[in-house]
Amino acid sequence: MAELSYPFSAANGSGGSNTVSQAQWQKMARMWGGDRVDRRLTASSYESTDLPFYTSTTGRTVVVNAGRAWVGGFYYELTGTQSLTIADNTSKYPRIDIIVLRADLTAGSVNLAVVAGQPAATPVAPQPTRATSGNWEMVLHEVAVPANNAAISVSSRLQFDMPPVLESPWNTDLTASYVQSGTFLYDMDVNRNTSQTEGFKGRDGFMWTRTLGKSYSYTPSMFNGKSSPGVRKGRYRWIAPNTVYFEAEFDAYEDVGVAVSGSNTYLGITLPTPASGAMRQVLTGLIANPAEQGNMPNLMQITALTGSGTSNVALYTQNWTNLAQGLDGLRLLPPQSKLYISGTYEANVFNE
């Protein structure tokens, strides 16, 4: 019959079956999730001996300790220890072997095994076999096998289970306080007041990782001035953990610009979220001054310097009357002009 389906409560003439073979089980079970060690790394740190399948070596014997895993659609448990022998390498070249869990449908079991590599001046580890209805392997460790039977060394290649991805309608950052470390969460913004956003709960706490929908809007401020621009617009999005892209625009009134107040030596603007205090960062901008108001050029490049752990950004521009003077603090946003500034910066999620 061309059509097969399983498992149902009873076999029928439409191709349904109430039993499955090993091969059918594997095809079905592999759809439930990939190969992985049955352990979640929810603590902030581990010693190697805390982890499943950790190893010790004596001569050419590798002892693998207890662990559980899902391999090629089958569950495996090692309840004690298992010793494996690494073959001699009398060659003048080193070799890399791998220690695997092998689901063998012919044998009808999952077992530890060593897959030997080929000696070479620059050795390459063998790739695991992944054959549906045949052998299916998951790598646990690499074994460096030096030339001339020198001492071997083992390094972990364990791949672990992790918490499932979750979604919440809103307040995702607050929801994250109740989930396991290592969890990705999605704010679905069902109340439509921000944007759909991805977040991650990890060792360093919760942080937004990516804005997946429209960017957020914000209203930037200009500080150290006698007045405020007529138009202030801004947008931003999270593009990576603790990393923000933003863009802002300021339009001066036609009859009056924005001049520094009092003893201030520069104008500044505000970011959508504070910049990192670990290091100060540089952003760029442009002033379009088509009427050349304030005896200033029609186009001026702006260099912006973030504050330390604040939202404040100081603005500087080239001294246009004497290039040798370099950058000066921007003291005037001329009437009828527009300031554009944008860039990517490290935010201050970690309060550095």
C-alpha atoms as a PDB file:
ATOM      1  CA  MET A   1       0.000   0.000   0.000  1.00  0.00           C
ATOM      2  CA  ALA A   2       1.301   3.477  -0.910  1.00  0.00           C
ATOM      3  CA  GLU A   3      -0.183   5.169   2.172  1.00  0.00           C
ATOM      4  CA  LEU A   4       1.036   4.271   5.662  1.00  0.00           C
ATOM      5  CA  SER A   5       0.184   5.929   8.967  1.00  0.00           C
ATOM      6  CA  TYR A   6       0.790   4.995  12.600  1.00  0.00           C
ATOM      7  CA  PRO A   7       0.208   4.413  15.471  1.00  0.00           C
ATOM      8  CA  PHE A   8      -3.573   4.030  15.682  1.00  0.00           C
ATOM      9  CA  SER A   9      -5.640   1.905  18.059  1.00  0.00           C
ATOM     10  CA  ALA A  10      -6.242  -0.741  15.391  1.00  0.00           C
ATOM     11  CA  ALA A  11      -4.941  -1.688  11.968  1.00  0.00           C
ATOM     12  CA  ASN A  12      -7.269  -0.893   9.072  1.00  0.00           C
ATOM     13  CA  GLY A  13      -7.571  -1.153   5.323  1.00  0.00           C
ATOM     14  CA  SER A  14      -6.676   2.506   4.802  1.00  0.00           C
ATOM     15  CA  GLY A  15      -3.018   1.982   5.691  1.00  0.00           C
ATOM     16  CA  GLY A  16      -3.320   2.681   9.402  1.00  0.00           C
ATOM     17  CA  SER A  17      -1.333   0.473  11.766  1.00  0.00           C
ATOM     18  CA  ASN A  18      -1.401  -0.091  15.527  1.00  0.00           C
ATOM     19  CA  THR A  19       2.223  -1.248  15.626  1.00  0.00           C
ATOM     20  CA  VAL A  20       5.483   0.258  14.458  1.00  0.00           C
ATOM     21  CA  SER A  21       8.824  -1.261  13.545  1.00  0.00           C
ATOM     22  CA  GLN A  22      12.116   0.065  14.937  1.00  0.00           C
ATOM     23  CA  ALA A  23      12.696   1.922  11.677  1.00  0.00           C
ATOM     24  CA  GLN A  24       9.218   3.437  11.728  1.00  0.00           C
ATOM     25  CA  TRP A  25       9.626   4.457  15.355  1.00  0.00           C
ATOM     26  CA  GLN A  26      12.914   6.166  14.533  1.00  0.00           C
ATOM     27  CA  LYS A  27      11.403   8.091  11.630  1.00  0.00           C
ATOM     28  CA  MET A  28       8.570   9.225  13.872  1.00  0.00           C
ATOM     29  CA  ALA A  29      10.537   9.906  17.063  1.00  0.00           C
ATOM     30  CA  ARG A  30      13.252  11.977  15.352  1.00  0.00           C
ATOM     31  CA  MET A  31      10.559  14.536  14.571  1.00  0.00           C
ATOM     32  CA  TRP A  32      10.128  15.205  18.292  1.00  0.00           C
ATOM     33  CA  GLY A  33      13.548  16.771  18.728  1.00  0.00           C
ATOM     34  CA  GLY A  34      17.208  16.528  17.845  1.00  0.00           C
ATOM     35  CA  ASP A  35      19.972  14.515  19.487  1.00  0.00           C
ATOM     36  CA  ARG A  36      20.894  15.864  22.913  1.00  0.00           C
ATOM     37  CA  VAL A  37      22.063  15.015  26.408  1.00  0.00           C
ATOM     38  CA  ASP A  38      19.168  14.855  28.858  1.00  0.00           C
ATOM     39  CA  ARG A  39      20.301  17.716  31.082  1.00  0.00           C
ATOM     40  CA  ARG A  40      19.660  21.451  31.079  1.00  0.00           C
ATOM     41  CA  LEU A  41      22.462  23.862  31.959  1.00  0.00           C
ATOM     42  CA  THR A  42      20.463  26.029  34.339  1.00  0.00           C
ATOM     43  CA  ALA A  43      23.245  26.839  36.840  1.00  0.00           C
ATOM     44  CA  SER A  44      25.557  29.826  36.362  1.00  0.00           C
ATOM     45  CA  SER A  45      28.678  27.634  36.214  1.00  0.00           C
ATOM     46  CA  TYR A  46      29.746  23.992  36.249  1.00  0.00           C
ATOM     47  CA  GLU A  47      32.832  21.896  36.828  1.00  0.00           C
ATOM     48  CA  SER A  48      33.474  19.250  34.200  1.00  0.00           C
ATOM     49  CA  THR A  49      32.718  16.510  36.747  1.00  0.00           C
ATOM     50  CA  ASP A  50      29.257  18.010  37.319  1.00  0.00           C
ATOM     51  CA  LEU A  51      28.221  17.146  33.787  1.00  0.00           C
ATOM     52  CA  PRO A  52      26.836  13.879  32.405  1.00  0.00           C
ATOM     53  CA  PHE A  53      29.210  11.594  30.489  1.00  0.00           C
ATOM     54  CA  TYR A  54      32.327  13.246  31.953  1.00  0.00           C
ATOM     55  CA  THR A  55      35.495  11.240  31.378  1.00  0.00           C
ATOM     56  CA  SER A  56      38.762  10.211  32.992  1.00  0.00           C
ATOM     57  CA  THR A  57      41.710   8.509  31.332  1.00  0.00           C
ATOM     58  CA  THR A  58      44.250   5.884  32.355  1.00  0.00           C
ATOM     59  CA  GLY A  59      46.768   5.129  29.657  1.00  0.00           C
ATOM     60  CA  ARG A  60      44.718   4.428  26.528  1.00  0.00           C
ATOM     61  CA  THR A  61      41.497   3.731  28.445  1.00  0.00           C
ATOM     62  CA  VAL A  62      38.760   6.344  28.616  1.00  0.00           C
ATOM     63  CA  VAL A  63      36.185   5.896  31.378  1.00  0.00           C
ATOM     64  CA  VAL A  64      32.824   7.487  30.600  1.00  0.00           C
ATOM     65  CA  ASN A  65      30.607   8.306  33.568  1.00  0.00           C
ATOM     66  CA  ALA A  66      26.829   8.134  33.921  1.00  0.00           C
ATOM     67  CA  GLY A  67      24.443  10.130  31.763  1.00  0.00           C
ATOM     68  CA  ARG A  68      21.226  10.084  29.760  1.00  0.00           C
ATOM     69  CA  ALA A  69      20.596  11.125  26.166  1.00  0.00           C
ATOM     70  CA  TRP A  70      18.223  11.082  23.215  1.00  0.00           C
ATOM     71  CA  VAL A  71      19.915   9.710  20.077  1.00  0.00           C
ATOM     72  CA  GLY A  72      18.357   9.196  16.664  1.00  0.00           C
ATOM     73  CA  GLY A  73      14.874   8.848  18.140  1.00  0.00           C
ATOM     74  CA  PHE A  74      15.858   6.487  20.998  1.00  0.00           C
ATOM     75  CA  TYR A  75      16.466   7.070  24.704  1.00  0.00           C
ATOM     76  CA  TYR A  76      19.728   5.948  26.330  1.00  0.00           C
ATOM     77  CA  GLU A  77      20.858   5.668  29.960  1.00  0.00           C
ATOM     78  CA  LEU A  78      24.314   4.900  31.315  1.00  0.00           C
ATOM     79  CA  THR A  79      23.724   4.120  34.977  1.00  0.00           C
ATOM     80  CA  GLY A  80      27.345   3.426  35.960  1.00  0.00           C
ATOM     81  CA  THR A  81      30.646   3.785  34.126  1.00  0.00           C
ATOM     82  CA  GLN A  82      31.821   2.362  30.814  1.00  0.00           C
ATOM     83  CA  SER A  83      35.450   1.877  29.725  1.00  0.00           C
ATOM     84  CA  LEU A  84      36.548   2.382  26.128  1.00  0.00           C
ATOM     85  CA  THR A  85      39.952   1.582  24.642  1.00  0.00           C
ATOM     86  CA  ILE A  86      41.588   3.967  22.202  1.00  0.00           C
ATOM     87  CA  ALA A  87      43.520   2.126  19.518  1.00  0.00           C
ATOM     88  CA  ASP A  88      47.297   2.538  19.307  1.00  0.00           C
ATOM     89  CA  ASN A  89      48.741   5.140  16.954  1.00  0.00           C
ATOM     90  CA  THR A  90      52.212   4.082  15.857  1.00  0.00           C
ATOM     91  CA  SER A  91      52.091   6.496  12.924  1.00  0.00           C
ATOM     92  CA  LYS A  92      54.352   9.542  12.746  1.00  0.00           C
ATOM     93  CA  TYR A  93      51.182  11.657  12.416  1.00  0.00           C
ATOM     94  CA  PRO A  94      48.491  12.463  15.023  1.00  0.00           C
ATOM     95  CA  ARG A  95      44.903  11.290  14.810  1.00  0.00           C
ATOM     96  CA  ILE A  96      41.530  12.472  16.128  1.00  0.00           C
ATOM     97  CA  ASP A  97      38.955   9.903  17.275  1.00  0.00           C
ATOM     98  CA  ILE A  98      35.405  10.537  18.436  1.00  0.00           C
ATOM     99  CA  ILE A  99      33.423   8.888  21.215  1.00  0.00           C
ATOM    100  CA  VAL A 100      29.808   8.495  20.167  1.00  0.00           C
ATOM    101  CA  LEU A 101      26.485   7.130  21.278  1.00  0.00           C
ATOM    102  CA  ARG A 102      25.386   4.843  18.446  1.00  0.00           C
ATOM    103  CA  ALA A 103      21.793   3.833  17.854  1.00  0.00           C
ATOM    104  CA  ASP A 104      22.146   0.556  15.947  1.00  0.00           C
ATOM    105  CA  LEU A 105      18.862  -0.725  14.526  1.00  0.00           C
ATOM    106  CA  THR A 106      20.439  -4.055  13.595  1.00  0.00           C
ATOM    107  CA  ALA A 107      21.542  -4.642  17.177  1.00  0.00           C
ATOM    108  CA  GLY A 108      18.397  -3.042  18.538  1.00  0.00           C
ATOM    109  CA  SER A 109      20.203  -0.880  21.107  1.00  0.00           C
ATOM    110  CA  VAL A 110      22.127   2.330  21.775  1.00  0.00           C
ATOM    111  CA  ASN A 111      25.729   1.909  22.946  1.00  0.00           C
ATOM    112  CA  LEU A 112      28.948   3.833  23.442  1.00  0.00           C
ATOM    113  CA  ALA A 113      31.529   3.412  20.686  1.00  0.00           C
ATOM    114  CA  VAL A 114      34.822   4.858  19.443  1.00  0.00           C
ATOM    115  CA  VAL A 115      35.164   5.952  15.820  1.00  0.00           C
ATOM    116  CA  ALA A 116      38.825   6.201  14.838  1.00  0.00           C
ATOM    117  CA  GLY A 117      40.056   8.969  12.580  1.00  0.00           C
ATOM    118  CA  GLN A 118      42.902   8.881  10.073  1.00  0.00           C
ATOM    119  CA  PRO A 119      46.467   9.932  10.983  1.00  0.00           C
ATOM    120  CA  ALA A 120      47.514  13.090   9.147  1.00  0.00           C
ATOM    121  CA  ALA A 121      49.818  16.064   9.489  1.00  0.00           C
ATOM    122  CA  THR A 122      46.678  18.090  10.167  1.00  0.00           C
ATOM    123  CA  PRO A 123      44.170  15.478  11.368  1.00  0.00           C
ATOM    124  CA  VAL A 124      40.425  15.883  10.934  1.00  0.00           C
ATOM    125  CA  ALA A 125      37.874  14.245  13.206  1.00  0.00           C
ATOM    126  CA  PRO A 126      35.549  11.741  11.514  1.00  0.00           C
ATOM    127  CA  GLN A 127      31.939  12.806  11.050  1.00  0.00           C
ATOM    128  CA  PRO A 128      29.216  10.845  12.877  1.00  0.00           C
ATOM    129  CA  THR A 129      27.034   8.473  10.872  1.00  0.00           C
ATOM    130  CA  ARG A 130      23.398   9.521  10.585  1.00  0.00           C
ATOM    131  CA  ALA A 131      21.458   6.955   8.594  1.00  0.00           C
ATOM    132  CA  THR A 132      17.733   6.488   9.125  1.00  0.00           C
ATOM    133  CA  SER A 133      16.996   2.757   9.498  1.00  0.00           C
ATOM    134  CA  GLY A 134      20.744   2.203  10.016  1.00  0.00           C
ATOM    135  CA  ASN A 135      23.318   3.515  12.476  1.00  0.00           C
ATOM    136  CA  TRP A 136      22.753   6.941  13.966  1.00  0.00           C
ATOM    137  CA  GLU A 137      25.529   8.553  16.044  1.00  0.00           C
ATOM    138  CA  MET A 138      25.822  11.514  18.370  1.00  0.00           C
ATOM    139  CA  VAL A 139      29.298  12.763  19.312  1.00  0.00           C
ATOM    140  CA  LEU A 140      30.087  13.050  23.033  1.00  0.00           C
ATOM    141  CA  HIS A 141      33.846  13.641  23.023  1.00  0.00           C
ATOM    142  CA  GLU A 142      36.866  14.127  20.799  1.00  0.00           C
ATOM    143  CA  VAL A 143      40.049  12.211  21.578  1.00  0.00           C
ATOM    144  CA  ALA A 144      43.401  13.638  20.524  1.00  0.00           C
ATOM    145  CA  VAL A 145      45.612  10.651  19.673  1.00  0.00           C
ATOM    146  CA  PRO A 146      49.206  11.884  19.193  1.00  0.00           C
ATOM    147  CA  ALA A 147      51.782  10.183  16.988  1.00  0.00           C
ATOM    148  CA  ASN A 148      54.019   7.409  18.286  1.00  0.00           C
ATOM    149  CA  ASN A 149      51.556   6.333  20.969  1.00  0.00           C
ATOM    150  CA  ALA A 150      51.995   9.455  23.062  1.00  0.00           C
ATOM    151  CA  ALA A 151      49.443  10.180  25.793  1.00  0.00           C
ATOM    152  CA  ILE A 152      45.867  10.767  24.662  1.00  0.00           C
ATOM    153  CA  SER A 153      43.610  13.622  25.789  1.00  0.00           C
ATOM    154  CA  VAL A 154      39.835  13.938  25.746  1.00  0.00           C
ATOM    155  CA  SER A 155      37.729  17.075  25.184  1.00  0.00           C
ATOM    156  CA  SER A 156      33.964  17.375  25.496  1.00  0.00           C
ATOM    157  CA  ARG A 157      31.636  17.882  22.541  1.00  0.00           C
ATOM    158  CA  LEU A 158      28.422  17.401  24.533  1.00  0.00           C
ATOM    159  CA  GLN A 159      25.227  18.972  23.224  1.00  0.00           C
ATOM    160  CA  PHE A 160      22.546  19.537  25.848  1.00  0.00           C
ATOM    161  CA  ASP A 161      18.814  19.846  26.080  1.00  0.00           C
ATOM    162  CA  MET A 162      17.508  23.352  26.664  1.00  0.00           C
ATOM    163  CA  PRO A 163      14.205  24.805  27.875  1.00  0.00           C
ATOM    164  CA  PRO A 164      11.536  25.169  25.210  1.00  0.00           C
ATOM    165  CA  VAL A 165      10.946  28.530  23.583  1.00  0.00           C
ATOM    166  CA  LEU A 166       8.030  30.355  25.222  1.00  0.00           C
ATOM    167  CA  GLU A 167       5.759  33.200  24.252  1.00  0.00           C
ATOM    168  CA  SER A 168       3.736  35.578  26.377  1.00  0.00           C
ATOM    169  CA  PRO A 169       1.138  38.223  25.511  1.00  0.00           C
ATOM    170  CA  TRP A 170       2.936  41.040  27.392  1.00  0.00           C
ATOM    171  CA  ASN A 171       5.129  41.689  30.463  1.00  0.00           C
ATOM    172  CA  THR A 172       7.622  39.167  29.085  1.00  0.00           C
ATOM    173  CA  ASP A 173      10.519  40.653  31.051  1.00  0.00           C
ATOM    174  CA  LEU A 174       8.548  40.028  34.258  1.00  0.00           C
ATOM    175  CA  THR A 175       7.429  36.565  33.171  1.00  0.00           C
ATOM    176  CA  ALA A 176      11.101  35.695  32.631  1.00  0.00           C
ATOM    177  CA  SER A 177      11.745  35.753  36.391  1.00  0.00           C
ATOM    178  CA  TYR A 178       9.848  32.443  36.662  1.00  0.00           C
ATOM    179  CA  VAL A 179      11.493  30.481  33.829  1.00  0.00           C
ATOM    180  CA  GLN A 180      14.698  28.454  33.691  1.00  0.00           C
ATOM    181  CA  SER A 181      18.012  29.987  32.717  1.00  0.00           C
ATOM    182  CA  GLY A 182      18.685  29.386  29.041  1.00  0.00           C
ATOM    183  CA  THR A 183      15.132  30.177  27.908  1.00  0.00           C
ATOM    184  CA  PHE A 184      14.226  32.280  24.878  1.00  0.00           C
ATOM    185  CA  LEU A 185      10.923  34.145  25.227  1.00  0.00           C
ATOM    186  CA  TYR A 186       8.831  36.072  22.730  1.00  0.00           C
ATOM    187  CA  ASP A 187       6.678  39.050  23.621  1.00  0.00           C
ATOM    188  CA  MET A 188       3.771  38.734  21.144  1.00  0.00           C
ATOM    189  CA  ASP A 189       2.536  42.263  21.926  1.00  0.00           C
ATOM    190  CA  VAL A 190      -1.119  41.248  21.707  1.00  0.00           C
ATOM    191  CA  ASN A 191      -2.113  44.588  23.259  1.00  0.00           C
ATOM    192  CA  ARG A 192      -0.237  46.296  20.379  1.00  0.00           C
ATOM    193  CA  ASN A 193       1.439  48.945  22.493  1.00  0.00           C
ATOM    194  CA  THR A 194       5.092  48.236  21.606  1.00  0.00           C
ATOM    195  CA  SER A 195       6.440  45.651  19.157  1.00  0.00           C
ATOM    196  CA  GLN A 196       6.922  41.902  18.927  1.00  0.00           C
ATOM    197  CA  THR A 197      10.266  41.232  20.584  1.00  0.00           C
ATOM    198  CA  GLU A 198      12.579  38.342  21.441  1.00  0.00           C
ATOM    199  CA  GLY A 199      14.252  38.066  24.837  1.00  0.00           C
ATOM    200  CA  PHE A 200      16.637  35.684  26.604  1.00  0.00           C
ATOM    201  CA  LYS A 201      16.864  34.609  30.257  1.00  0.00           C
ATOM    202  CA  GLY A 202      20.468  33.587  30.930  1.00  0.00           C
ATOM    203  CA  ARG A 203      23.266  33.702  33.462  1.00  0.00           C
ATOM    204  CA  ASP A 204      23.306  37.514  33.360  1.00  0.00           C
ATOM    205  CA  GLY A 205      19.546  37.814  33.817  1.00  0.00           C
ATOM    206  CA  PHE A 206      16.900  38.781  31.267  1.00  0.00           C
ATOM    207  CA  MET A 207      17.601  40.988  28.280  1.00  0.00           C
ATOM    208  CA  TRP A 208      15.894  41.887  25.038  1.00  0.00           C
ATOM    209  CA  THR A 209      17.748  40.354  22.102  1.00  0.00           C
ATOM    210  CA  ARG A 210      15.868  41.433  18.974  1.00  0.00           C
ATOM    211  CA  THR A 211      12.942  43.595  17.962  1.00  0.00           C
ATOM    212  CA  LEU A 212      11.056  41.374  15.510  1.00  0.00           C
ATOM    213  CA  GLY A 213       8.362  43.797  14.387  1.00  0.00           C
ATOM    214  CA  LYS A 214       8.228  47.537  13.835  1.00  0.00           C
ATOM    215  CA  SER A 215      10.801  49.656  15.625  1.00  0.00           C
ATOM    216  CA  TYR A 216       9.864  51.500  18.808  1.00  0.00           C
ATOM    217  CA  SER A 217       9.251  55.244  18.678  1.00  0.00           C
ATOM    218  CA  TYR A 218      10.657  57.640  21.260  1.00  0.00           C
ATOM    219  CA  THR A 219      10.855  61.391  21.687  1.00  0.00           C
ATOM    220  CA  PRO A 220      14.478  62.478  22.096  1.00  0.00           C
ATOM    221  CA  SER A 221      15.361  65.584  24.042  1.00  0.00           C
ATOM    222  CA  MET A 222      17.978  68.233  23.374  1.00  0.00           C
ATOM    223  CA  PHE A 223      19.746  69.463  26.502  1.00  0.00           C
ATOM    224  CA  ASN A 224      22.058  72.363  27.443  1.00  0.00           C
ATOM    225  CA  GLY A 225      20.025  74.669  25.172  1.00  0.00           C
ATOM    226  CA  LYS A 226      18.078  77.850  25.813  1.00  0.00           C
ATOM    227  CA  SER A 227      15.088  76.409  23.978  1.00  0.00           C
ATOM    228  CA  SER A 228      13.903  73.185  22.376  1.00  0.00           C
ATOM    229  CA  PRO A 229      13.676  72.266  18.678  1.00  0.00           C
ATOM    230  CA  GLY A 230      10.271  72.488  17.029  1.00  0.00           C
ATOM    231  CA  VAL A 231      10.262  68.839  15.965  1.00  0.00           C
ATOM    232  CA  ARG A 232      11.825  65.896  17.825  1.00  0.00           C
ATOM    233  CA  LYS A 233      11.417  62.379  16.456  1.00  0.00           C
ATOM    234  CA  GLY A 234      13.171  59.115  17.155  1.00  0.00           C
ATOM    235  CA  ARG A 235      12.989  55.378  16.546  1.00  0.00           C
ATOM    236  CA  TYR A 236      14.998  52.420  17.814  1.00  0.00           C
ATOM    237  CA  ARG A 237      15.153  48.639  17.895  1.00  0.00           C
ATOM    238  CA  TRP A 238      17.116  45.956  19.720  1.00  0.00           C
ATOM    239  CA  ILE A 239      19.342  44.244  17.153  1.00  0.00           C
ATOM    240  CA  ALA A 240      21.288  41.953  19.522  1.00  0.00           C
ATOM    241  CA  PRO A 241      21.617  41.422  23.290  1.00  0.00           C
ATOM    242  CA  ASN A 242      22.366  44.783  24.928  1.00  0.00           C
ATOM    243  CA  THR A 243      22.735  46.391  21.487  1.00  0.00           C
ATOM    244  CA  VAL A 244      20.491  49.126  20.066  1.00  0.00           C
ATOM    245  CA  TYR A 245      20.148  50.769  16.672  1.00  0.00           C
ATOM    246  CA  PHE A 246      18.521  54.212  16.810  1.00  0.00           C
ATOM    247  CA  GLU A 247      17.770  57.215  14.614  1.00  0.00           C
ATOM    248  CA  ALA A 248      16.697  60.697  15.677  1.00  0.00           C
ATOM    249  CA  GLU A 249      15.726  63.946  13.950  1.00  0.00           C
ATOM    250  CA  PHE A 250      15.501  67.507  15.296  1.00  0.00           C
ATOM    251  CA  ASP A 251      13.998  70.413  13.317  1.00  0.00           C
ATOM    252  CA  ALA A 252      14.710  73.963  14.471  1.00  0.00           C
ATOM    253  CA  TYR A 253      12.014  76.616  14.231  1.00  0.00           C
ATOM    254  CA  GLU A 254      12.218  78.960  11.242  1.00  0.00           C
ATOM    255  CA  ASP A 255      12.679  82.067  13.359  1.00  0.00           C
ATOM    256  CA  VAL A 256      14.878  80.764  16.146  1.00  0.00           C
ATOM    257  CA  GLY A 257      17.407  77.988  16.559  1.00  0.00           C
ATOM    258  CA  VAL A 258      18.705  76.310  19.683  1.00  0.00           C
ATOM    259  CA  ALA A 259      21.723  77.974  21.309  1.00  0.00           C
ATOM    260  CA  VAL A 260      23.642  76.746  24.346  1.00  0.00           C
ATOM    261  CA  SER A 261      22.572  78.194  27.658  1.00  0.00           C
ATOM    262  CA  GLY A 262      24.697  79.740  30.357  1.00  0.00           C
ATOM    263  CA  SER A 263      28.231  78.371  30.647  1.00  0.00           C
ATOM    264  CA  ASN A 264      27.506  75.198  28.664  1.00  0.00           C
ATOM    265  CA  THR A 265      29.939  74.500  25.846  1.00  0.00           C
ATOM    266  CA  TYR A 266      27.940  72.019  23.796  1.00  0.00           C
ATOM    267  CA  LEU A 267      24.432  70.895  22.922  1.00  0.00           C
ATOM    268  CA  GLY A 268      23.437  67.316  23.542  1.00  0.00           C
ATOM    269  CA  ILE A 269      20.640  64.865  22.790  1.00  0.00           C
ATOM    270  CA  THR A 270      19.205  61.845  24.565  1.00  0.00           C
ATOM    271  CA  LEU A 271      19.259  58.195  23.482  1.00  0.00           C
ATOM    272  CA  PRO A 272      16.274  55.848  23.744  1.00  0.00           C
ATOM    273  CA  THR A 273      18.002  53.818  26.473  1.00  0.00           C
ATOM    274  CA  PRO A 274      21.216  54.536  28.426  1.00  0.00           C
ATOM    275  CA  ALA A 275      24.553  53.672  26.834  1.00  0.00           C
ATOM    276  CA  SER A 276      27.021  51.356  28.525  1.00  0.00           C
ATOM    277  CA  GLY A 277      29.181  52.862  31.242  1.00  0.00           C
ATOM    278  CA  ALA A 278      32.063  50.465  30.526  1.00  0.00           C
ATOM    279  CA  MET A 279      33.386  52.561  27.615  1.00  0.00           C
ATOM    280  CA  ARG A 280      32.264  55.741  25.881  1.00  0.00           C
ATOM    281  CA  GLN A 281      31.082  55.312  22.291  1.00  0.00           C
ATOM    282  CA  VAL A 282      31.058  57.485  19.159  1.00  0.00           C
ATOM    283  CA  LEU A 283      28.024  58.071  16.922  1.00  0.00           C
ATOM    284  CA  THR A 284      27.659  60.249  13.826  1.00  0.00           C
ATOM    285  CA  GLY A 285      25.178  62.762  12.483  1.00  0.00           C
ATOM    286  CA  LEU A 286      24.560  65.580  10.018  1.00  0.00           C
ATOM    287  CA  ILE A 287      23.130  69.087  10.197  1.00  0.00           C
ATOM    288  CA  ALA A 288      21.367  70.309   7.057  1.00  0.00           C
ATOM    289  CA  ASN A 289      21.476  74.112   7.083  1.00  0.00           C
ATOM    290  CA  PRO A 290      20.407  75.104   3.547  1.00  0.00           C
ATOM    291  CA  ALA A 291      19.957  78.791   4.372  1.00  0.00           C
ATOM    292  CA  GLU A 292      23.420  78.906   5.996  1.00  0.00           C
ATOM    293  CA  GLN A 293      21.874  80.429   9.082  1.00  0.00           C
ATOM    294  CA  GLY A 294      24.155  81.473  11.940  1.00  0.00           C
ATOM    295  CA  ASN A 295      27.012  81.933   9.464  1.00  0.00           C
ATOM    296  CA  MET A 296      27.385  78.153   9.513  1.00  0.00           C
ATOM    297  CA  PRO A 297      27.955  75.821   6.533  1.00  0.00           C
ATOM    298  CA  ASN A 298      25.018  74.347   4.640  1.00  0.00           C
ATOM    299  CA  LEU A 299      26.064  70.804   5.602  1.00  0.00           C
ATOM    300  CA  MET A 300      27.931  69.938   8.805  1.00  0.00           C
ATOM    301  CA  GLN A 301      29.128  66.586  10.032  1.00  0.00           C
ATOM    302  CA  ILE A 302      28.340  65.853  13.671  1.00  0.00           C
ATOM    303  CA  THR A 303      30.327  63.601  16.001  1.00  0.00           C
ATOM    304  CA  ALA A 304      28.463  62.416  19.094  1.00  0.00           C
ATOM    305  CA  LEU A 305      30.066  61.035  22.256  1.00  0.00           C
ATOM    306  CA  THR A 306      27.976  58.975  24.669  1.00  0.00           C
ATOM    307  CA  GLY A 307      27.981  59.600  28.382  1.00  0.00           C
ATOM    308  CA  SER A 308      29.013  56.967  30.901  1.00  0.00           C
ATOM    309  CA  GLY A 309      25.962  54.849  31.722  1.00  0.00           C
ATOM    310  CA  THR A 310      23.518  57.632  30.784  1.00  0.00           C
ATOM    311  CA  SER A 311      21.218  58.517  27.904  1.00  0.00           C
ATOM    312  CA  ASN A 312      23.033  61.801  27.282  1.00  0.00           C
ATOM    313  CA  VAL A 313      25.103  62.277  24.132  1.00  0.00           C
ATOM    314  CA  ALA A 314      27.384  65.320  23.626  1.00  0.00           C
ATOM    315  CA  LEU A 315      27.532  66.823  20.113  1.00  0.00           C
ATOM    316  CA  TYR A 316      30.694  68.086  18.421  1.00  0.00           C
ATOM    317  CA  THR A 317      31.436  69.501  14.986  1.00  0.00           C
ATOM    318  CA  GLN A 318      34.451  70.641  12.993  1.00  0.00           C
ATOM    319  CA  ASN A 319      35.531  74.252  13.558  1.00  0.00           C
ATOM    320  CA  TRP A 320      34.606  75.564  10.095  1.00  0.00           C
ATOM    321  CA  THR A 321      36.578  78.827  10.360  1.00  0.00           C
ATOM    322  CA  ASN A 322      39.855  77.184  11.343  1.00  0.00           C
ATOM    323  CA  LEU A 323      40.301  73.515  10.461  1.00  0.00           C
ATOM    324  CA  ALA A 324      43.429  73.332  12.620  1.00  0.00           C
ATOM    325  CA  GLN A 325      41.196  73.759  15.674  1.00  0.00           C
ATOM    326  CA  GLY A 326      39.625  70.328  15.120  1.00  0.00           C
ATOM    327  CA  LEU A 327      36.289  69.581  16.781  1.00  0.00           C
ATOM    328  CA  ASP A 328      34.391  72.038  18.940  1.00  0.00           C
ATOM    329  CA  GLY A 329      31.272  71.534  20.988  1.00  0.00           C
ATOM    330  CA  LEU A 330      28.149  72.252  18.910  1.00  0.00           C
ATOM    331  CA  ARG A 331      26.864  75.542  20.325  1.00  0.00           C
ATOM    332  CA  LEU A 332      23.993  76.272  17.931  1.00  0.00           C
ATOM    333  CA  LEU A 333      21.367  74.394  15.957  1.00  0.00           C
ATOM    334  CA  PRO A 334      20.626  77.154  13.425  1.00  0.00           C
ATOM    335  CA  PRO A 335      17.098  78.315  12.541  1.00  0.00           C
ATOM    336  CA  GLN A 336      15.503  76.394   9.658  1.00  0.00           C
ATOM    337  CA  SER A 337      18.060  73.590  10.049  1.00  0.00           C
ATOM    338  CA  LYS A 338      17.676  69.878  10.730  1.00  0.00           C
ATOM    339  CA  LEU A 339      19.857  67.577  12.776  1.00  0.00           C
ATOM    340  CA  TYR A 340      19.963  63.875  11.860  1.00  0.00           C
ATOM    341  CA  ILE A 341      21.826  61.396  14.015  1.00  0.00           C
ATOM    342  CA  SER A 342      21.837  57.596  14.017  1.00  0.00           C
ATOM    343  CA  GLY A 343      23.970  54.614  14.886  1.00  0.00           C
ATOM    344  CA  THR A 344      24.441  51.419  16.854  1.00  0.00           C
ATOM    345  CA  TYR A 345      25.611  51.395  20.442  1.00  0.00           C
ATOM    346  CA  GLU A 346      26.028  49.082  23.413  1.00  0.00           C
ATOM    347  CA  ALA A 347      23.310  49.722  25.952  1.00  0.00           C
ATOM    348  CA  ASN A 348      23.557  49.585  29.738  1.00  0.00           C
ATOM    349  CA  VAL A 349      21.447  46.541  30.595  1.00  0.00           C
ATOM    350  CA  PHE A 350      24.172  45.377  33.004  1.00  0.00           C
ATOM    351  CA  ASN A 351      24.520  48.745  34.820  1.00  0.00           C
ATOM    352  CA  GLU A 352      28.211  48.979  34.104  1.00  0.00           C
END
